[in-house]
PDB file of N, CA and C in Angstrom:
ATOM      1  N   MET A   1      70.295 -33.534 -42.543  1.00  0.00           N
ATOM      2  CA  MET A   1      69.209 -33.726 -43.724  1.00  0.00           C
ATOM      3  C   MET A   1      68.477 -34.885 -44.074  1.00  0.00           C
ATOM      4  N   VAL A   2      69.265 -35.942 -43.555  1.00  0.00           N
ATOM      5  CA  VAL A   2      68.572 -37.401 -43.801  1.00  0.00           C
ATOM      6  C   VAL A   2      67.320 -37.455 -42.471  1.00  0.00           C
ATOM      7  N   LYS A   3      67.802 -36.978 -41.441  1.00  0.00           N
ATOM      8  CA  LYS A   3      66.778 -36.693 -40.526  1.00  0.00           C
ATOM      9  C   LYS A   3      65.469 -36.178 -40.586  1.00  0.00           C
ATOM     10  N   ARG A   4      65.883 -35.160 -41.104  1.00  0.00           N
ATOM     11  CA  ARG A   4      64.780 -34.294 -41.752  1.00  0.00           C
ATOM     12  C   ARG A   4      63.529 -35.086 -42.690  1.00  0.00           C
ATOM     13  N   PHE A   5      64.223 -35.578 -43.783  1.00  0.00           N
ATOM     14  CA  PHE A   5      63.553 -36.364 -44.697  1.00  0.00           C
ATOM     15  C   PHE A   5      62.933 -37.602 -43.998  1.00  0.00           C
ATOM     16  N   LEU A   6      63.852 -38.297 -43.189  1.00  0.00           N
ATOM     17  CA  LEU A   6      63.218 -39.138 -42.804  1.00  0.00           C
ATOM     18  C   LEU A   6      61.591 -38.768 -41.588  1.00  0.00           C
ATOM     19  N   PHE A   7      61.857 -37.670 -41.018  1.00  0.00           N
ATOM     20  CA  PHE A   7      60.857 -37.298 -40.149  1.00  0.00           C
ATOM     21  C   PHE A   7      59.755 -36.849 -41.125  1.00  0.00           C
ATOM     22  N   LEU A   8      60.105 -36.289 -42.044  1.00  0.00           N
ATOM     23  CA  LEU A   8      58.763 -35.799 -43.266  1.00  0.00           C
ATOM     24  C   LEU A   8      57.833 -37.224 -43.556  1.00  0.00           C
ATOM     25  N   ILE A   9      58.865 -38.069 -43.938  1.00  0.00           N
ATOM     26  CA  ILE A   9      58.080 -39.031 -44.318  1.00  0.00           C
ATOM     27  C   ILE A   9      57.320 -40.041 -43.416  1.00  0.00           C
ATOM     28  N   LEU A  10      57.864 -39.853 -42.256  1.00  0.00           N
ATOM     29  CA  LEU A  10      57.093 -40.793 -41.257  1.00  0.00           C
ATOM     30  C   LEU A  10      55.958 -39.734 -40.827  1.00  0.00           C
ATOM     31  N   LEU A  11      56.062 -38.675 -40.912  1.00  0.00           N
ATOM     32  CA  LEU A  11      54.732 -37.622 -40.716  1.00  0.00           C
ATOM     33  C   LEU A  11      53.760 -37.844 -41.690  1.00  0.00           C
ATOM     34  N   ILE A  12      54.092 -38.021 -42.814  1.00  0.00           N
ATOM     35  CA  ILE A  12      53.461 -38.136 -43.931  1.00  0.00           C
ATOM     36  C   ILE A  12      52.437 -39.441 -43.879  1.00  0.00           C
ATOM     37  N   LEU A  13      53.164 -40.467 -43.505  1.00  0.00           N
ATOM     38  CA  LEU A  13      52.489 -41.941 -43.494  1.00  0.00           C
ATOM     39  C   LEU A  13      51.626 -41.950 -42.261  1.00  0.00           C
ATOM     40  N   PHE A  14      52.176 -41.272 -41.451  1.00  0.00           N
ATOM     41  CA  PHE A  14      51.367 -41.408 -39.829  1.00  0.00           C
ATOM     42  C   PHE A  14      50.496 -40.344 -39.556  1.00  0.00           C
ATOM     43  N   LEU A  15      50.288 -39.286 -40.359  1.00  0.00           N
ATOM     44  CA  LEU A  15      49.297 -38.133 -40.032  1.00  0.00           C
ATOM     45  C   LEU A  15      47.908 -38.600 -39.944  1.00  0.00           C
ATOM     46  N   PRO A  16      47.437 -39.565 -40.917  1.00  0.00           N
ATOM     47  CA  PRO A  16      46.089 -39.873 -40.696  1.00  0.00           C
ATOM     48  C   PRO A  16      45.647 -40.677 -39.635  1.00  0.00           C
ATOM     49  N   PHE A  17      46.650 -41.297 -39.119  1.00  0.00           N
ATOM     50  CA  PHE A  17      46.179 -41.814 -37.899  1.00  0.00           C
ATOM     51  C   PHE A  17      46.263 -40.853 -36.686  1.00  0.00           C
ATOM     52  N   PHE A  18      47.124 -39.918 -36.697  1.00  0.00           N
ATOM     53  CA  PHE A  18      46.762 -38.657 -35.757  1.00  0.00           C
ATOM     54  C   PHE A  18      45.493 -38.131 -35.772  1.00  0.00           C
ATOM     55  N   VAL A  19      45.121 -37.881 -37.221  1.00  0.00           N
ATOM     56  CA  VAL A  19      43.850 -36.961 -37.250  1.00  0.00           C
ATOM     57  C   VAL A  19      42.715 -37.950 -36.841  1.00  0.00           C
ATOM     58  N   GLN A  20      42.894 -39.217 -37.077  1.00  0.00           N
ATOM     59  CA  GLN A  20      41.424 -39.952 -36.444  1.00  0.00           C
ATOM     60  C   GLN A  20      41.861 -40.323 -35.239  1.00  0.00           C
ATOM     61  N   ALA A  21      42.816 -40.224 -34.559  1.00  0.00           N
ATOM     62  CA  ALA A  21      43.049 -40.450 -33.082  1.00  0.00           C
ATOM     63  C   ALA A  21      42.352 -39.068 -32.283  1.00  0.00           C
ATOM     64  N   THR A  22      42.175 -38.056 -33.016  1.00  0.00           N
ATOM     65  CA  THR A  22      41.341 -36.950 -32.155  1.00  0.00           C
ATOM     66  C   THR A  22      40.016 -37.267 -31.960  1.00  0.00           C
ATOM     67  N   ASP A  23      39.417 -38.032 -32.985  1.00  0.00           N
ATOM     68  CA  ASP A  23      37.954 -38.215 -32.832  1.00  0.00           C
ATOM     69  C   ASP A  23      37.797 -39.419 -31.723  1.00  0.00           C
ATOM     70  N   ILE A  24      38.622 -40.129 -31.594  1.00  0.00           N
ATOM     71  CA  ILE A  24      38.847 -41.329 -30.601  1.00  0.00           C
ATOM     72  C   ILE A  24      39.167 -40.959 -29.272  1.00  0.00           C
ATOM     73  N   LEU A  25      39.679 -39.916 -29.093  1.00  0.00           N
ATOM     74  CA  LEU A  25      40.243 -39.519 -27.654  1.00  0.00           C
ATOM     75  C   LEU A  25      39.559 -38.300 -27.015  1.00  0.00           C
ATOM     76  N   THR A  26      38.657 -37.756 -27.786  1.00  0.00           N
ATOM     77  CA  THR A  26      37.757 -36.854 -27.318  1.00  0.00           C
ATOM     78  C   THR A  26      36.830 -37.164 -26.205  1.00  0.00           C
ATOM     79  N   LEU A  27      36.506 -36.545 -24.926  1.00  0.00           N
ATOM     80  CA  LEU A  27      36.039 -37.114 -23.924  1.00  0.00           C
ATOM     81  C   LEU A  27      34.347 -36.684 -24.037  1.00  0.00           C
ATOM     82  N   PRO A  28      33.575 -37.462 -23.410  1.00  0.00           N
ATOM     83  CA  PRO A  28      32.241 -36.863 -23.619  1.00  0.00           C
ATOM     84  C   PRO A  28      32.013 -35.738 -22.511  1.00  0.00           C
ATOM     85  N   THR A  29      31.371 -34.682 -22.920  1.00  0.00           N
ATOM     86  CA  THR A  29      31.109 -33.776 -21.877  1.00  0.00           C
ATOM     87  C   THR A  29      29.755 -33.925 -20.992  1.00  0.00           C
ATOM     88  N   ILE A  30      29.955 -33.717 -19.894  1.00  0.00           N
ATOM     89  CA  ILE A  30      29.171 -33.813 -18.944  1.00  0.00           C
ATOM     90  C   ILE A  30      28.555 -32.311 -18.317  1.00  0.00           C
ATOM     91  N   PRO A  31      27.695 -31.796 -18.234  1.00  0.00           N
ATOM     92  CA  PRO A  31      27.321 -30.534 -17.758  1.00  0.00           C
ATOM     93  C   PRO A  31      27.347 -30.518 -16.392  1.00  0.00           C
ATOM     94  N   ILE A  32      27.908 -29.368 -16.112  1.00  0.00           N
ATOM     95  CA  ILE A  32      28.529 -29.116 -14.403  1.00  0.00           C
ATOM     96  C   ILE A  32      27.241 -29.274 -13.515  1.00  0.00           C
ATOM     97  N   ALA A  33      26.279 -29.105 -13.868  1.00  0.00           N
ATOM     98  CA  ALA A  33      24.876 -29.313 -13.157  1.00  0.00           C
ATOM     99  C   ALA A  33      24.775 -30.447 -12.738  1.00  0.00           C
ATOM    100  N   ARG A  34      24.905 -31.448 -13.877  1.00  0.00           N
ATOM    101  CA  ARG A  34      24.835 -32.823 -13.363  1.00  0.00           C
ATOM    102  C   ARG A  34      25.696 -33.159 -12.355  1.00  0.00           C
ATOM    103  N   VAL A  35      26.957 -33.128 -12.518  1.00  0.00           N
ATOM    104  CA  VAL A  35      28.139 -33.422 -11.773  1.00  0.00           C
ATOM    105  C   VAL A  35      27.512 -32.961 -10.307  1.00  0.00           C
ATOM    106  N   ILE A  36      27.265 -31.832 -10.235  1.00  0.00           N
ATOM    107  CA  ILE A  36      26.983 -31.278  -8.990  1.00  0.00           C
ATOM    108  C   ILE A  36      25.692 -32.134  -8.144  1.00  0.00           C
ATOM    109  N   ARG A  37      24.821 -32.103  -8.939  1.00  0.00           N
ATOM    110  CA  ARG A  37      23.685 -33.149  -8.570  1.00  0.00           C
ATOM    111  C   ARG A  37      24.253 -34.484  -8.170  1.00  0.00           C
ATOM    112  N   ARG A  38      24.818 -35.243  -8.784  1.00  0.00           N
ATOM    113  CA  ARG A  38      25.449 -36.388  -8.512  1.00  0.00           C
ATOM    114  C   ARG A  38      26.055 -36.647  -7.307  1.00  0.00           C
ATOM    115  N   LEU A  39      26.939 -35.466  -7.135  1.00  0.00           N
ATOM    116  CA  LEU A  39      27.797 -35.319  -6.107  1.00  0.00           C
ATOM    117  C   LEU A  39      27.169 -35.089  -4.873  1.00  0.00           C
ATOM    118  N   GLY A  40      26.188 -34.372  -4.759  1.00  0.00           N
ATOM    119  CA  GLY A  40      25.347 -34.207  -3.619  1.00  0.00           C
ATOM    120  C   GLY A  40      24.555 -35.368  -3.334  1.00  0.00           C
ATOM    121  N   ASP A  41      23.804 -36.116  -4.202  1.00  0.00           N
ATOM    122  CA  ASP A  41      23.174 -37.265  -3.825  1.00  0.00           C
ATOM    123  C   ASP A  41      24.233 -38.213  -3.438  1.00  0.00           C
ATOM    124  N   ILE A  42      25.323 -38.603  -3.757  1.00  0.00           N
ATOM    125  CA  ILE A  42      26.033 -39.620  -3.113  1.00  0.00           C
ATOM    126  C   ILE A  42      26.720 -39.164  -1.514  1.00  0.00           C
ATOM    127  N   LEU A  43      26.789 -37.555  -1.370  1.00  0.00           N
ATOM    128  CA  LEU A  43      27.117 -37.438  -0.115  1.00  0.00           C
ATOM    129  C   LEU A  43      26.259 -37.442   0.678  1.00  0.00           C
ATOM    130  N   PHE A  44      24.900 -37.122   0.183  1.00  0.00           N
ATOM    131  CA  PHE A  44      23.652 -37.015   1.122  1.00  0.00           C
ATOM    132  C   PHE A  44      23.245 -38.636   1.694  1.00  0.00           C
ATOM    133  N   TYR A  45      23.453 -39.437   0.686  1.00  0.00           N
ATOM    134  CA  TYR A  45      23.140 -40.878   1.103  1.00  0.00           C
ATOM    135  C   TYR A  45      24.206 -41.488   1.725  1.00  0.00           C
ATOM    136  N   ILE A  46      25.477 -41.148   1.953  1.00  0.00           N
ATOM    137  CA  ILE A  46      26.468 -41.183   2.871  1.00  0.00           C
ATOM    138  C   ILE A  46      26.025 -40.713   4.018  1.00  0.00           C
ATOM    139  N   LEU A  47      25.726 -39.772   4.094  1.00  0.00           N
ATOM    140  CA  LEU A  47      25.307 -38.904   5.548  1.00  0.00           C
ATOM    141  C   LEU A  47      24.251 -39.917   6.019  1.00  0.00           C
ATOM    142  N   VAL A  48      23.296 -40.090   5.196  1.00  0.00           N
ATOM    143  CA  VAL A  48      21.893 -40.723   5.740  1.00  0.00           C
ATOM    144  C   VAL A  48      22.569 -41.898   6.508  1.00  0.00           C
ATOM    145  N   LEU A  49      23.420 -42.946   5.855  1.00  0.00           N
ATOM    146  CA  LEU A  49      23.980 -43.974   6.222  1.00  0.00           C
ATOM    147  C   LEU A  49      24.457 -43.660   7.586  1.00  0.00           C
ATOM    148  N   LEU A  50      25.422 -42.980   7.290  1.00  0.00           N
ATOM    149  CA  LEU A  50      26.258 -42.883   9.048  1.00  0.00           C
ATOM    150  C   LEU A  50      25.384 -42.201   9.825  1.00  0.00           C
ATOM    151  N   ALA A  51      24.506 -41.681   9.713  1.00  0.00           N
ATOM    152  CA  ALA A  51      23.679 -40.996  10.904  1.00  0.00           C
ATOM    153  C   ALA A  51      22.852 -42.199  11.318  1.00  0.00           C
ATOM    154  N   PHE A  52      22.377 -42.939  10.643  1.00  0.00           N
ATOM    155  CA  PHE A  52      21.588 -43.996  10.767  1.00  0.00           C
ATOM    156  C   PHE A  52      22.325 -45.119  11.748  1.00  0.00           C
ATOM    157  N   VAL A  53      23.698 -45.452  11.181  1.00  0.00           N
ATOM    158  CA  VAL A  53      24.463 -46.173  12.017  1.00  0.00           C
ATOM    159  C   VAL A  53      24.952 -45.573  13.462  1.00  0.00           C
ATOM    160  N   PHE A  54      24.959 -44.098  13.603  1.00  0.00           N
ATOM    161  CA  PHE A  54      25.260 -43.482  14.827  1.00  0.00           C
ATOM    162  C   PHE A  54      23.831 -43.694  15.593  1.00  0.00           C
ATOM    163  N   VAL A  55      22.671 -43.297  15.205  1.00  0.00           N
ATOM    164  CA  VAL A  55      21.735 -43.550  15.945  1.00  0.00           C
ATOM    165  C   VAL A  55      21.564 -44.731  16.514  1.00  0.00           C
ATOM    166  N   LEU A  56      21.768 -45.933  15.750  1.00  0.00           N
ATOM    167  CA  LEU A  56      21.622 -47.130  16.250  1.00  0.00           C
ATOM    168  C   LEU A  56      22.381 -47.506  17.297  1.00  0.00           C
ATOM    169  N   TRP A  57      23.731 -47.131  17.124  1.00  0.00           N
ATOM    170  CA  TRP A  57      24.940 -47.025  18.043  1.00  0.00           C
ATOM    171  C   TRP A  57      24.664 -46.179  19.421  1.00  0.00           C
ATOM    172  N   GLY A  58      24.077 -45.205  19.286  1.00  0.00           N
ATOM    173  CA  GLY A  58      23.770 -44.364  20.431  1.00  0.00           C
ATOM    174  C   GLY A  58      22.656 -45.112  21.211  1.00  0.00           C
ATOM    175  N   GLY A  59      21.715 -45.523  20.634  1.00  0.00           N
ATOM    176  CA  GLY A  59      20.645 -46.566  21.284  1.00  0.00           C
ATOM    177  C   GLY A  59      21.146 -47.856  21.746  1.00  0.00           C
ATOM    178  N   ILE A  60      21.974 -48.233  21.072  1.00  0.00           N
ATOM    179  CA  ILE A  60      22.456 -49.612  21.875  1.00  0.00           C
ATOM    180  C   ILE A  60      23.424 -49.396  22.945  1.00  0.00           C
ATOM    181  N   ASN A  61      24.130 -48.023  23.013  1.00  0.00           N
ATOM    182  CA  ASN A  61      24.535 -47.491  24.047  1.00  0.00           C
ATOM    183  C   ASN A  61      24.015 -46.914  25.289  1.00  0.00           C
ATOM    184  N   PHE A  62      22.667 -46.465  25.028  1.00  0.00           N
ATOM    185  CA  PHE A  62      21.843 -46.038  26.212  1.00  0.00           C
ATOM    186  C   PHE A  62      21.210 -47.391  26.622  1.00  0.00           C
ATOM    187  N   VAL A  63      20.703 -48.350  26.019  1.00  0.00           N
ATOM    188  CA  VAL A  63      20.358 -49.475  26.440  1.00  0.00           C
ATOM    189  C   VAL A  63      21.272 -50.256  27.384  1.00  0.00           C
ATOM    190  N   THR A  64      22.530 -50.192  26.827  1.00  0.00           N
ATOM    191  CA  THR A  64      23.655 -51.124  27.802  1.00  0.00           C
ATOM    192  C   THR A  64      24.355 -50.260  28.506  1.00  0.00           C
ATOM    193  N   ALA A  65      23.688 -48.955  29.042  1.00  0.00           N
ATOM    194  CA  ALA A  65      24.509 -48.125  30.348  1.00  0.00           C
ATOM    195  C   ALA A  65      24.403 -48.728  31.478  1.00  0.00           C
ATOM    196  N   SER A  66      23.193 -49.341  31.905  1.00  0.00           N
ATOM    197  CA  SER A  66      22.939 -50.132  32.920  1.00  0.00           C
ATOM    198  C   SER A  66      23.249 -48.881  34.188  1.00  0.00           C
ATOM    199  N   GLY A  67      22.452 -47.840  33.810  1.00  0.00           N
ATOM    200  CA  GLY A  67      22.150 -46.979  34.743  1.00  0.00           C
ATOM    201  C   GLY A  67      23.406 -45.785  35.199  1.00  0.00           C
ATOM    202  N   ASP A  68      24.435 -46.074  34.319  1.00  0.00           N
ATOM    203  CA  ASP A  68      25.798 -45.312  34.516  1.00  0.00           C
ATOM    204  C   ASP A  68      25.037 -43.511  33.912  1.00  0.00           C
ATOM    205  N   PRO A  69      25.333 -43.022  34.561  1.00  0.00           N
ATOM    206  CA  PRO A  69      24.951 -41.377  34.084  1.00  0.00           C
ATOM    207  C   PRO A  69      25.613 -40.771  32.930  1.00  0.00           C
ATOM    208  N   ASN A  70      27.101 -41.096  33.120  1.00  0.00           N
ATOM    209  CA  ASN A  70      27.869 -40.684  32.010  1.00  0.00           C
ATOM    210  C   ASN A  70      27.748 -41.422  30.850  1.00  0.00           C
ATOM    211  N   LYS A  71      27.485 -42.643  30.511  1.00  0.00           N
ATOM    212  CA  LYS A  71      27.348 -43.484  29.521  1.00  0.00           C
ATOM    213  C   LYS A  71      26.056 -43.298  29.039  1.00  0.00           C
ATOM    214  N   ILE A  72      24.782 -42.998  29.858  1.00  0.00           N
ATOM    215  CA  ILE A  72      23.665 -42.407  29.247  1.00  0.00           C
ATOM    216  C   ILE A  72      23.581 -41.255  28.665  1.00  0.00           C
ATOM    217  N   GLU A  73      24.452 -40.284  29.226  1.00  0.00           N
ATOM    218  CA  GLU A  73      24.341 -38.704  28.665  1.00  0.00           C
ATOM    219  C   GLU A  73      25.261 -38.862  27.201  1.00  0.00           C
ATOM    220  N   THR A  74      26.234 -39.678  26.944  1.00  0.00           N
ATOM    221  CA  THR A  74      27.054 -39.707  26.027  1.00  0.00           C
ATOM    222  C   THR A  74      26.181 -40.311  24.608  1.00  0.00           C
ATOM    223  N   ALA A  75      25.273 -41.318  25.333  1.00  0.00           N
ATOM    224  CA  ALA A  75      24.204 -41.848  24.209  1.00  0.00           C
ATOM    225  C   ALA A  75      23.526 -41.003  23.970  1.00  0.00           C
ATOM    226  N   LYS A  76      22.929 -40.030  24.639  1.00  0.00           N
ATOM    227  CA  LYS A  76      22.009 -39.016  24.434  1.00  0.00           C
ATOM    228  C   LYS A  76      22.529 -38.110  23.278  1.00  0.00           C
ATOM    229  N   LYS A  77      23.911 -37.760  23.749  1.00  0.00           N
ATOM    230  CA  LYS A  77      24.142 -36.717  22.881  1.00  0.00           C
ATOM    231  C   LYS A  77      24.556 -37.249  21.366  1.00  0.00           C
ATOM    232  N   MET A  78      24.914 -38.591  21.545  1.00  0.00           N
ATOM    233  CA  MET A  78      25.196 -39.262  20.154  1.00  0.00           C
ATOM    234  C   MET A  78      24.234 -39.488  19.096  1.00  0.00           C
ATOM    235  N   VAL A  79      23.046 -39.670  19.885  1.00  0.00           N
ATOM    236  CA  VAL A  79      21.452 -39.720  19.205  1.00  0.00           C
ATOM    237  C   VAL A  79      21.245 -38.368  18.637  1.00  0.00           C
ATOM    238  N   ILE A  80      21.230 -37.420  19.754  1.00  0.00           N
ATOM    239  CA  ILE A  80      20.869 -35.982  19.458  1.00  0.00           C
ATOM    240  C   ILE A  80      21.689 -35.255  18.079  1.00  0.00           C
ATOM    241  N   PHE A  81      23.130 -35.671  18.289  1.00  0.00           N
ATOM    242  CA  PHE A  81      24.088 -35.101  17.090  1.00  0.00           C
ATOM    243  C   PHE A  81      23.785 -35.744  15.920  1.00  0.00           C
ATOM    244  N   SER A  82      23.658 -37.259  15.769  1.00  0.00           N
ATOM    245  CA  SER A  82      22.909 -37.895  14.520  1.00  0.00           C
ATOM    246  C   SER A  82      21.812 -37.001  13.927  1.00  0.00           C
ATOM    247  N   LEU A  83      21.118 -36.664  14.820  1.00  0.00           N
ATOM    248  CA  LEU A  83      19.735 -36.278  14.078  1.00  0.00           C
ATOM    249  C   LEU A  83      19.756 -34.941  13.798  1.00  0.00           C
ATOM    250  N   ILE A  84      20.842 -34.108  14.330  1.00  0.00           N
ATOM    251  CA  ILE A  84      21.219 -32.613  13.901  1.00  0.00           C
ATOM    252  C   ILE A  84      21.792 -32.831  12.717  1.00  0.00           C
ATOM    253  N   GLY A  85      22.754 -33.972  12.525  1.00  0.00           N
ATOM    254  CA  GLY A  85      23.517 -34.070  11.255  1.00  0.00           C
ATOM    255  C   GLY A  85      22.493 -34.608  10.062  1.00  0.00           C
ATOM    256  N   ILE A  86      21.420 -35.059  10.448  1.00  0.00           N
ATOM    257  CA  ILE A  86      20.634 -35.487   9.217  1.00  0.00           C
ATOM    258  C   ILE A  86      19.857 -34.135   8.839  1.00  0.00           C
ATOM    259  N   VAL A  87      19.613 -33.208  10.001  1.00  0.00           N
ATOM    260  CA  VAL A  87      18.789 -31.980   9.496  1.00  0.00           C
ATOM    261  C   VAL A  87      19.777 -31.065   8.789  1.00  0.00           C
ATOM    262  N   ILE A  88      21.041 -31.160   8.936  1.00  0.00           N
ATOM    263  CA  ILE A  88      22.050 -30.218   8.248  1.00  0.00           C
ATOM    264  C   ILE A  88      22.224 -30.789   6.802  1.00  0.00           C
ATOM    265  N   GLY A  89      22.043 -31.943   6.838  1.00  0.00           N
ATOM    266  CA  GLY A  89      22.435 -33.023   5.562  1.00  0.00           C
ATOM    267  C   GLY A  89      21.212 -32.745   4.854  1.00  0.00           C
ATOM    268  N   ALA A  90      20.082 -32.591   5.069  1.00  0.00           N
ATOM    269  CA  ALA A  90      18.933 -32.514   4.314  1.00  0.00           C
ATOM    270  C   ALA A  90      18.935 -31.079   4.090  1.00  0.00           C
ATOM    271  N   VAL A  91      19.359 -29.976   4.537  1.00  0.00           N
ATOM    272  CA  VAL A  91      19.468 -28.792   4.234  1.00  0.00           C
ATOM    273  C   VAL A  91      20.199 -28.438   2.930  1.00  0.00           C
ATOM    274  N   ALA A  92      21.302 -29.140   3.237  1.00  0.00           N
ATOM    275  CA  ALA A  92      22.208 -28.954   2.098  1.00  0.00           C
ATOM    276  C   ALA A  92      21.908 -29.630   0.858  1.00  0.00           C
ATOM    277  N   PHE A  93      21.137 -30.909   1.052  1.00  0.00           N
ATOM    278  CA  PHE A  93      20.822 -31.319  -0.038  1.00  0.00           C
ATOM    279  C   PHE A  93      19.843 -30.530  -0.708  1.00  0.00           C
ATOM    280  N   GLY A  94      18.912 -30.187  -0.153  1.00  0.00           N
ATOM    281  CA  GLY A  94      18.001 -29.120  -0.590  1.00  0.00           C
ATOM    282  C   GLY A  94      18.489 -27.999  -1.378  1.00  0.00           C
ATOM    283  N   ILE A  95      19.598 -27.447  -0.980  1.00  0.00           N
ATOM    284  CA  ILE A  95      20.366 -26.142  -1.347  1.00  0.00           C
ATOM    285  C   ILE A  95      20.837 -26.788  -2.626  1.00  0.00           C
ATOM    286  N   VAL A  96      21.784 -28.099  -2.720  1.00  0.00           N
ATOM    287  CA  VAL A  96      22.542 -28.669  -3.818  1.00  0.00           C
ATOM    288  C   VAL A  96      21.274 -28.752  -4.916  1.00  0.00           C
ATOM    289  N   ASN A  97      19.937 -29.061  -4.687  1.00  0.00           N
ATOM    290  CA  ASN A  97      19.201 -29.431  -5.685  1.00  0.00           C
ATOM    291  C   ASN A  97      18.498 -28.190  -6.046  1.00  0.00           C
ATOM    292  N   LEU A  98      18.583 -26.894  -5.260  1.00  0.00           N
ATOM    293  CA  LEU A  98      18.256 -25.673  -5.848  1.00  0.00           C
ATOM    294  C   LEU A  98      19.267 -25.051  -6.729  1.00  0.00           C
ATOM    295  N   ILE A  99      20.584 -25.349  -6.539  1.00  0.00           N
ATOM    296  CA  ILE A  99      21.327 -24.800  -7.312  1.00  0.00           C
ATOM    297  C   ILE A  99      21.236 -25.606  -8.738  1.00  0.00           C
ATOM    298  N   TYR A 100      21.358 -27.096  -8.563  1.00  0.00           N
ATOM    299  CA  TYR A 100      20.898 -27.962  -9.867  1.00  0.00           C
ATOM    300  C   TYR A 100      19.905 -27.303 -10.647  1.00  0.00           C
ATOM    301  N   SER A 101      18.801 -27.062 -10.133  1.00  0.00           N
ATOM    302  CA  SER A 101      17.300 -26.624 -10.876  1.00  0.00           C
ATOM    303  C   SER A 101      17.748 -24.895 -11.329  1.00  0.00           C
ATOM    304  N   TYR A 102      18.699 -24.252 -10.656  1.00  0.00           N
ATOM    305  CA  TYR A 102      19.031 -23.043 -11.521  1.00  0.00           C
ATOM    306  C   TYR A 102      19.714 -23.202 -12.570  1.00  0.00           C
ATOM    307  N   LEU A 103      20.953 -24.004 -12.431  1.00  0.00           N
ATOM    308  CA  LEU A 103      21.964 -24.275 -13.446  1.00  0.00           C
ATOM    309  C   LEU A 103      21.217 -25.096 -14.562  1.00  0.00           C
ATOM    310  N   ALA A 104      20.151 -25.830 -14.319  1.00  0.00           N
ATOM    311  CA  ALA A 104      19.971 -26.812 -15.529  1.00  0.00           C
ATOM    312  C   ALA A 104      18.749 -26.103 -16.286  1.00  0.00           C
ATOM    313  N   GLY A 105      18.235 -24.834 -15.412  1.00  0.00           N
ATOM    314  CA  GLY A 105      17.114 -24.059 -16.023  1.00  0.00           C
ATOM    315  C   GLY A 105      15.778 -24.729 -15.792  1.00  0.00           C
ATOM    316  N   ARG A 106      15.560 -25.412 -14.838  1.00  0.00           N
ATOM    317  CA  ARG A 106      14.363 -26.136 -14.571  1.00  0.00           C
ATOM    318  C   ARG A 106      13.422 -25.244 -13.507  1.00  0.00           C
TER     319      ARG A 106
END
């Protein structure tokens, strides 16, 4: 009986703090379209950066191949696959922007 009474007293005393805490703890809502757009932008920038690095790496390997056909072929494949990756990334970026414009109503 004493525990219930103590619980009620504490509840009455601290209830205003719990009510005010709900306003403080609410998180801002971000539309899903904006999240998709930001994620797509970040991934596209990372893809372009990596593709640029691989194109440079392939070019350096091509220049330093010193006539070895295997190294030249490997360097050519590296550059070609990097450029294909950029094209695929650009298409994916376009699809993400298309979905964003559909969800955002623009």
